[in-house]
Amino acid sequence: MRSELRNTTVTLSHPAEWLAVLRIVVGLYFVKSLITKMSFGLVAGVLPVPAVSERWLNVMPKIVARQASDNPLSFYKHFLDGTVLPNSSLFAQLTAWGETVVGIGLTLGLLTGLASLVGLFLVTNYGLATQWMSPGQQGFHLVLFFLMLAFFFARAGRTWGFDRWLARRGGLLSRRPFS
């Protein structure tokens, strides 16, 4: 009996598929920005196009002001107060579109490497803005940070994603790390 236990090995079954599940779940988390931060505007009064919602344009500066208020990282507090808040409309646009791109890219496995790099940039900034607020904020952004790295380096979009199709077509993604 004792020798049986020593020879038993446990292996992870289907790691690429489990990583794809994580990629899709994280992607869906970011896709929620389509509901919370995006809306539709009309071009020439008829053509509907995605646009950042007025609600997000109004709420984002309040959130950033709260994040900056007691932030102990002086360089980041200065960045939030001196750069983000005076240009809050621009940063609201960037965050809403960035989260949308990350969400769609990760969910569909489309340009996953690029989506993960954008996500890495966003979660790093979100983590720096909120890390002082609670241990939960620290952990959440730290987990997202390492998931984005894993998606990037594992080419996670090639399992259950469009990146597999793009790579097979022999295009740009077969040679570059953005798939």
C-alpha atoms as a PDB file:
ATOM      1  CA  MET A   1       0.000   0.000   0.000  1.00  0.00           C
ATOM      2  CA  ARG A   2       2.759   2.417   0.897  1.00  0.00           C
ATOM      3  CA  SER A   3       4.541   1.914  -2.444  1.00  0.00           C
ATOM      4  CA  GLU A   4       1.258   2.614  -4.283  1.00  0.00           C
ATOM      5  CA  LEU A   5       1.031   6.057  -2.688  1.00  0.00           C
ATOM      6  CA  ARG A   6       4.587   6.947  -3.632  1.00  0.00           C
ATOM      7  CA  ASN A   7       4.051   6.133  -7.299  1.00  0.00           C
ATOM      8  CA  THR A   8       0.807   8.071  -7.626  1.00  0.00           C
ATOM      9  CA  THR A   9       1.134  11.310  -9.561  1.00  0.00           C
ATOM     10  CA  VAL A  10      -1.500  13.912 -10.041  1.00  0.00           C
ATOM     11  CA  THR A  11      -1.601  15.836 -13.284  1.00  0.00           C
ATOM     12  CA  LEU A  12      -3.818  18.627 -14.478  1.00  0.00           C
ATOM     13  CA  SER A  13      -6.116  17.456 -17.221  1.00  0.00           C
ATOM     14  CA  HIS A  14      -6.585  19.801 -20.146  1.00  0.00           C
ATOM     15  CA  PRO A  15      -4.622  22.854 -18.888  1.00  0.00           C
ATOM     16  CA  ALA A  16      -5.158  24.812 -22.112  1.00  0.00           C
ATOM     17  CA  GLU A  17      -8.916  24.411 -21.793  1.00  0.00           C
ATOM     18  CA  TRP A  18      -8.899  25.496 -18.139  1.00  0.00           C
ATOM     19  CA  LEU A  19      -6.817  28.537 -19.041  1.00  0.00           C
ATOM     20  CA  ALA A  20      -9.348  29.305 -21.778  1.00  0.00           C
ATOM     21  CA  VAL A  21     -12.151  29.101 -19.196  1.00  0.00           C
ATOM     22  CA  LEU A  22     -10.276  31.609 -17.014  1.00  0.00           C
ATOM     23  CA  ARG A  23      -9.679  33.842 -20.053  1.00  0.00           C
ATOM     24  CA  ILE A  24     -13.363  33.825 -20.945  1.00  0.00           C
ATOM     25  CA  VAL A  25     -14.511  34.502 -17.366  1.00  0.00           C
ATOM     26  CA  VAL A  26     -12.078  37.418 -17.001  1.00  0.00           C
ATOM     27  CA  GLY A  27     -13.133  38.646 -20.440  1.00  0.00           C
ATOM     28  CA  LEU A  28     -16.789  38.591 -19.422  1.00  0.00           C
ATOM     29  CA  TYR A  29     -15.888  40.585 -16.304  1.00  0.00           C
ATOM     30  CA  PHE A  30     -14.424  43.295 -18.548  1.00  0.00           C
ATOM     31  CA  VAL A  31     -17.249  43.039 -21.105  1.00  0.00           C
ATOM     32  CA  LYS A  32     -19.586  44.406 -18.430  1.00  0.00           C
ATOM     33  CA  SER A  33     -18.137  47.799 -19.340  1.00  0.00           C
ATOM     34  CA  LEU A  34     -20.372  47.637 -22.418  1.00  0.00           C
ATOM     35  CA  ILE A  35     -23.299  47.967 -20.018  1.00  0.00           C
ATOM     36  CA  THR A  36     -21.773  50.157 -17.301  1.00  0.00           C
ATOM     37  CA  LYS A  37     -19.633  52.557 -19.343  1.00  0.00           C
ATOM     38  CA  MET A  38     -20.806  52.466 -22.941  1.00  0.00           C
ATOM     39  CA  SER A  39     -23.933  53.504 -24.807  1.00  0.00           C
ATOM     40  CA  PHE A  40     -24.885  54.284 -28.388  1.00  0.00           C
ATOM     41  CA  GLY A  41     -24.777  57.611 -30.151  1.00  0.00           C
ATOM     42  CA  LEU A  42     -26.098  58.493 -33.577  1.00  0.00           C
ATOM     43  CA  VAL A  43     -23.942  59.692 -36.447  1.00  0.00           C
ATOM     44  CA  ALA A  44     -25.871  62.040 -38.721  1.00  0.00           C
ATOM     45  CA  GLY A  45     -28.914  61.284 -36.596  1.00  0.00           C
ATOM     46  CA  VAL A  46     -29.321  57.781 -38.028  1.00  0.00           C
ATOM     47  CA  LEU A  47     -26.275  55.502 -37.755  1.00  0.00           C
ATOM     48  CA  PRO A  48     -25.888  54.027 -34.252  1.00  0.00           C
ATOM     49  CA  VAL A  49     -22.276  53.805 -33.081  1.00  0.00           C
ATOM     50  CA  PRO A  50     -20.816  52.812 -29.708  1.00  0.00           C
ATOM     51  CA  ALA A  51     -19.911  55.739 -27.471  1.00  0.00           C
ATOM     52  CA  VAL A  52     -18.898  56.310 -23.875  1.00  0.00           C
ATOM     53  CA  SER A  53     -21.977  56.980 -21.767  1.00  0.00           C
ATOM     54  CA  GLU A  54     -22.654  60.359 -20.207  1.00  0.00           C
ATOM     55  CA  ARG A  55     -23.136  58.562 -16.898  1.00  0.00           C
ATOM     56  CA  TRP A  56     -19.538  57.242 -16.994  1.00  0.00           C
ATOM     57  CA  LEU A  57     -18.181  60.621 -18.077  1.00  0.00           C
ATOM     58  CA  ASN A  58     -19.829  62.132 -14.973  1.00  0.00           C
ATOM     59  CA  VAL A  59     -19.081  59.353 -12.462  1.00  0.00           C
ATOM     60  CA  MET A  60     -15.456  58.597 -13.322  1.00  0.00           C
ATOM     61  CA  PRO A  61     -13.979  61.873 -11.949  1.00  0.00           C
ATOM     62  CA  LYS A  62     -15.768  61.292  -8.622  1.00  0.00           C
ATOM     63  CA  ILE A  63     -14.313  57.787  -8.368  1.00  0.00           C
ATOM     64  CA  VAL A  64     -10.815  59.022  -9.232  1.00  0.00           C
ATOM     65  CA  ALA A  65     -11.043  61.873  -6.702  1.00  0.00           C
ATOM     66  CA  ARG A  66     -11.920  59.342  -4.002  1.00  0.00           C
ATOM     67  CA  GLN A  67      -9.040  57.092  -5.091  1.00  0.00           C
ATOM     68  CA  ALA A  68      -6.603  60.006  -5.014  1.00  0.00           C
ATOM     69  CA  SER A  69      -7.810  61.487  -1.714  1.00  0.00           C
ATOM     70  CA  ASP A  70      -5.642  59.484   0.697  1.00  0.00           C
ATOM     71  CA  ASN A  71      -3.502  57.516  -1.717  1.00  0.00           C
ATOM     72  CA  PRO A  72      -0.168  57.003   0.079  1.00  0.00           C
ATOM     73  CA  LEU A  73       1.774  56.616  -3.172  1.00  0.00           C
ATOM     74  CA  SER A  74       2.647  60.262  -3.690  1.00  0.00           C
ATOM     75  CA  PHE A  75       3.729  59.823  -7.331  1.00  0.00           C
ATOM     76  CA  TYR A  76       0.410  58.185  -8.180  1.00  0.00           C
ATOM     77  CA  LYS A  77      -1.665  60.620  -6.124  1.00  0.00           C
ATOM     78  CA  HIS A  78       0.054  63.426  -8.040  1.00  0.00           C
ATOM     79  CA  PHE A  79      -0.698  61.676 -11.353  1.00  0.00           C
ATOM     80  CA  LEU A  80      -4.386  61.268 -10.450  1.00  0.00           C
ATOM     81  CA  ASP A  81      -4.746  64.839  -9.149  1.00  0.00           C
ATOM     82  CA  GLY A  82      -2.555  66.579 -11.728  1.00  0.00           C
ATOM     83  CA  THR A  83      -3.183  64.581 -14.903  1.00  0.00           C
ATOM     84  CA  VAL A  84      -6.258  62.338 -14.721  1.00  0.00           C
ATOM     85  CA  LEU A  85      -8.725  64.671 -12.983  1.00  0.00           C
ATOM     86  CA  PRO A  86      -8.029  67.730 -15.186  1.00  0.00           C
ATOM     87  CA  ASN A  87      -8.444  65.469 -18.226  1.00  0.00           C
ATOM     88  CA  SER A  88     -11.196  63.282 -16.829  1.00  0.00           C
ATOM     89  CA  SER A  89     -13.187  63.162 -20.063  1.00  0.00           C
ATOM     90  CA  LEU A  90     -10.191  61.770 -21.952  1.00  0.00           C
ATOM     91  CA  PHE A  91      -9.425  59.217 -19.229  1.00  0.00           C
ATOM     92  CA  ALA A  92     -13.087  58.186 -19.010  1.00  0.00           C
ATOM     93  CA  GLN A  93     -12.975  57.536 -22.752  1.00  0.00           C
ATOM     94  CA  LEU A  94      -9.715  55.587 -22.456  1.00  0.00           C
ATOM     95  CA  THR A  95     -10.902  53.397 -19.584  1.00  0.00           C
ATOM     96  CA  ALA A  96     -14.283  52.630 -21.134  1.00  0.00           C
ATOM     97  CA  TRP A  97     -12.837  51.766 -24.547  1.00  0.00           C
ATOM     98  CA  GLY A  98      -9.885  49.930 -22.973  1.00  0.00           C
ATOM     99  CA  GLU A  99     -12.113  47.721 -20.841  1.00  0.00           C
ATOM    100  CA  THR A 100     -14.354  47.064 -23.848  1.00  0.00           C
ATOM    101  CA  VAL A 101     -11.387  46.013 -26.000  1.00  0.00           C
ATOM    102  CA  VAL A 102     -10.001  43.798 -23.240  1.00  0.00           C
ATOM    103  CA  GLY A 103     -13.393  42.214 -22.605  1.00  0.00           C
ATOM    104  CA  ILE A 104     -14.159  41.443 -26.233  1.00  0.00           C
ATOM    105  CA  GLY A 105     -10.596  40.296 -26.964  1.00  0.00           C
ATOM    106  CA  LEU A 106     -10.377  37.927 -24.003  1.00  0.00           C
ATOM    107  CA  THR A 107     -13.915  36.597 -24.306  1.00  0.00           C
ATOM    108  CA  LEU A 108     -13.553  35.786 -27.993  1.00  0.00           C
ATOM    109  CA  GLY A 109      -9.871  34.878 -27.859  1.00  0.00           C
ATOM    110  CA  LEU A 110      -9.277  37.552 -30.492  1.00  0.00           C
ATOM    111  CA  LEU A 111      -5.883  39.278 -30.439  1.00  0.00           C
ATOM    112  CA  THR A 112      -5.592  37.916 -26.922  1.00  0.00           C
ATOM    113  CA  GLY A 113      -1.986  39.009 -26.486  1.00  0.00           C
ATOM    114  CA  LEU A 114      -2.850  42.603 -27.288  1.00  0.00           C
ATOM    115  CA  ALA A 115      -6.000  42.455 -25.134  1.00  0.00           C
ATOM    116  CA  SER A 116      -3.961  41.067 -22.232  1.00  0.00           C
ATOM    117  CA  LEU A 117      -1.347  43.813 -22.539  1.00  0.00           C
ATOM    118  CA  VAL A 118      -4.071  46.479 -22.501  1.00  0.00           C
ATOM    119  CA  GLY A 119      -5.650  44.670 -19.544  1.00  0.00           C
ATOM    120  CA  LEU A 120      -2.290  44.508 -17.789  1.00  0.00           C
ATOM    121  CA  PHE A 121      -1.883  48.264 -18.192  1.00  0.00           C
ATOM    122  CA  LEU A 122      -5.423  48.926 -16.911  1.00  0.00           C
ATOM    123  CA  VAL A 123      -5.240  46.620 -13.875  1.00  0.00           C
ATOM    124  CA  THR A 124      -1.822  47.987 -12.930  1.00  0.00           C
ATOM    125  CA  ASN A 125      -3.221  51.512 -12.905  1.00  0.00           C
ATOM    126  CA  TYR A 126      -6.419  50.454 -11.137  1.00  0.00           C
ATOM    127  CA  GLY A 127      -4.314  48.621  -8.557  1.00  0.00           C
ATOM    128  CA  LEU A 128      -2.110  51.657  -7.938  1.00  0.00           C
ATOM    129  CA  ALA A 129      -5.203  53.824  -7.552  1.00  0.00           C
ATOM    130  CA  THR A 130      -7.008  51.529  -5.111  1.00  0.00           C
ATOM    131  CA  GLN A 131      -4.354  49.460  -3.323  1.00  0.00           C
ATOM    132  CA  TRP A 132      -4.574  51.588  -0.206  1.00  0.00           C
ATOM    133  CA  MET A 133      -8.360  51.236   0.098  1.00  0.00           C
ATOM    134  CA  SER A 134      -8.560  47.601   1.259  1.00  0.00           C
ATOM    135  CA  PRO A 135      -6.713  44.277   1.197  1.00  0.00           C
ATOM    136  CA  GLY A 136      -9.440  43.007  -1.128  1.00  0.00           C
ATOM    137  CA  GLN A 137      -8.521  45.636  -3.705  1.00  0.00           C
ATOM    138  CA  GLN A 138      -4.868  44.622  -3.474  1.00  0.00           C
ATOM    139  CA  GLY A 139      -5.620  40.942  -3.984  1.00  0.00           C
ATOM    140  CA  PHE A 140      -8.127  41.440  -6.774  1.00  0.00           C
ATOM    141  CA  HIS A 141      -5.821  43.540  -8.914  1.00  0.00           C
ATOM    142  CA  LEU A 142      -2.816  41.352  -8.158  1.00  0.00           C
ATOM    143  CA  VAL A 143      -4.712  38.263  -9.365  1.00  0.00           C
ATOM    144  CA  LEU A 144      -5.864  40.099 -12.513  1.00  0.00           C
ATOM    145  CA  PHE A 145      -2.285  41.269 -13.127  1.00  0.00           C
ATOM    146  CA  PHE A 146      -0.920  37.712 -13.121  1.00  0.00           C
ATOM    147  CA  LEU A 147      -3.844  36.350 -15.127  1.00  0.00           C
ATOM    148  CA  MET A 148      -3.123  38.911 -17.847  1.00  0.00           C
ATOM    149  CA  LEU A 149       0.526  37.800 -17.885  1.00  0.00           C
ATOM    150  CA  ALA A 150      -0.540  34.156 -18.103  1.00  0.00           C
ATOM    151  CA  PHE A 151      -2.956  34.879 -20.974  1.00  0.00           C
ATOM    152  CA  PHE A 152      -0.222  36.741 -22.833  1.00  0.00           C
ATOM    153  CA  PHE A 153       2.600  34.246 -22.435  1.00  0.00           C
ATOM    154  CA  ALA A 154       0.447  31.112 -22.817  1.00  0.00           C
ATOM    155  CA  ARG A 155      -1.194  32.426 -26.000  1.00  0.00           C
ATOM    156  CA  ALA A 156      -4.484  31.654 -24.324  1.00  0.00           C
ATOM    157  CA  GLY A 157      -6.573  32.749 -27.304  1.00  0.00           C
ATOM    158  CA  ARG A 158      -5.528  29.735 -29.328  1.00  0.00           C
ATOM    159  CA  THR A 159      -7.808  27.455 -27.353  1.00  0.00           C
ATOM    160  CA  TRP A 160     -11.483  28.161 -27.981  1.00  0.00           C
ATOM    161  CA  GLY A 161     -10.652  31.477 -29.580  1.00  0.00           C
ATOM    162  CA  PHE A 162     -10.291  33.245 -32.907  1.00  0.00           C
ATOM    163  CA  ASP A 163      -6.520  33.464 -32.434  1.00  0.00           C
ATOM    164  CA  ARG A 164      -6.270  29.771 -33.365  1.00  0.00           C
ATOM    165  CA  TRP A 165      -7.981  30.469 -36.687  1.00  0.00           C
ATOM    166  CA  LEU A 166      -5.832  33.545 -37.318  1.00  0.00           C
ATOM    167  CA  ALA A 167      -2.626  31.638 -36.523  1.00  0.00           C
ATOM    168  CA  ARG A 168      -3.618  28.783 -38.836  1.00  0.00           C
ATOM    169  CA  ARG A 169      -4.192  31.225 -41.671  1.00  0.00           C
ATOM    170  CA  GLY A 170      -0.483  31.995 -41.458  1.00  0.00           C
ATOM    171  CA  GLY A 171      -0.955  35.673 -40.873  1.00  0.00           C
ATOM    172  CA  LEU A 172       0.672  38.059 -38.479  1.00  0.00           C
ATOM    173  CA  LEU A 173      -0.395  36.044 -35.432  1.00  0.00           C
ATOM    174  CA  SER A 174       1.580  32.963 -36.393  1.00  0.00           C
ATOM    175  CA  ARG A 175       4.822  34.892 -35.773  1.00  0.00           C
ATOM    176  CA  ARG A 176       3.895  37.491 -33.173  1.00  0.00           C
ATOM    177  CA  PRO A 177       3.035  37.308 -29.475  1.00  0.00           C
ATOM    178  CA  PHE A 178      -0.323  39.100 -29.852  1.00  0.00           C
ATOM    179  CA  SER A 179      -2.295  35.914 -30.388  1.00  0.00           C
END
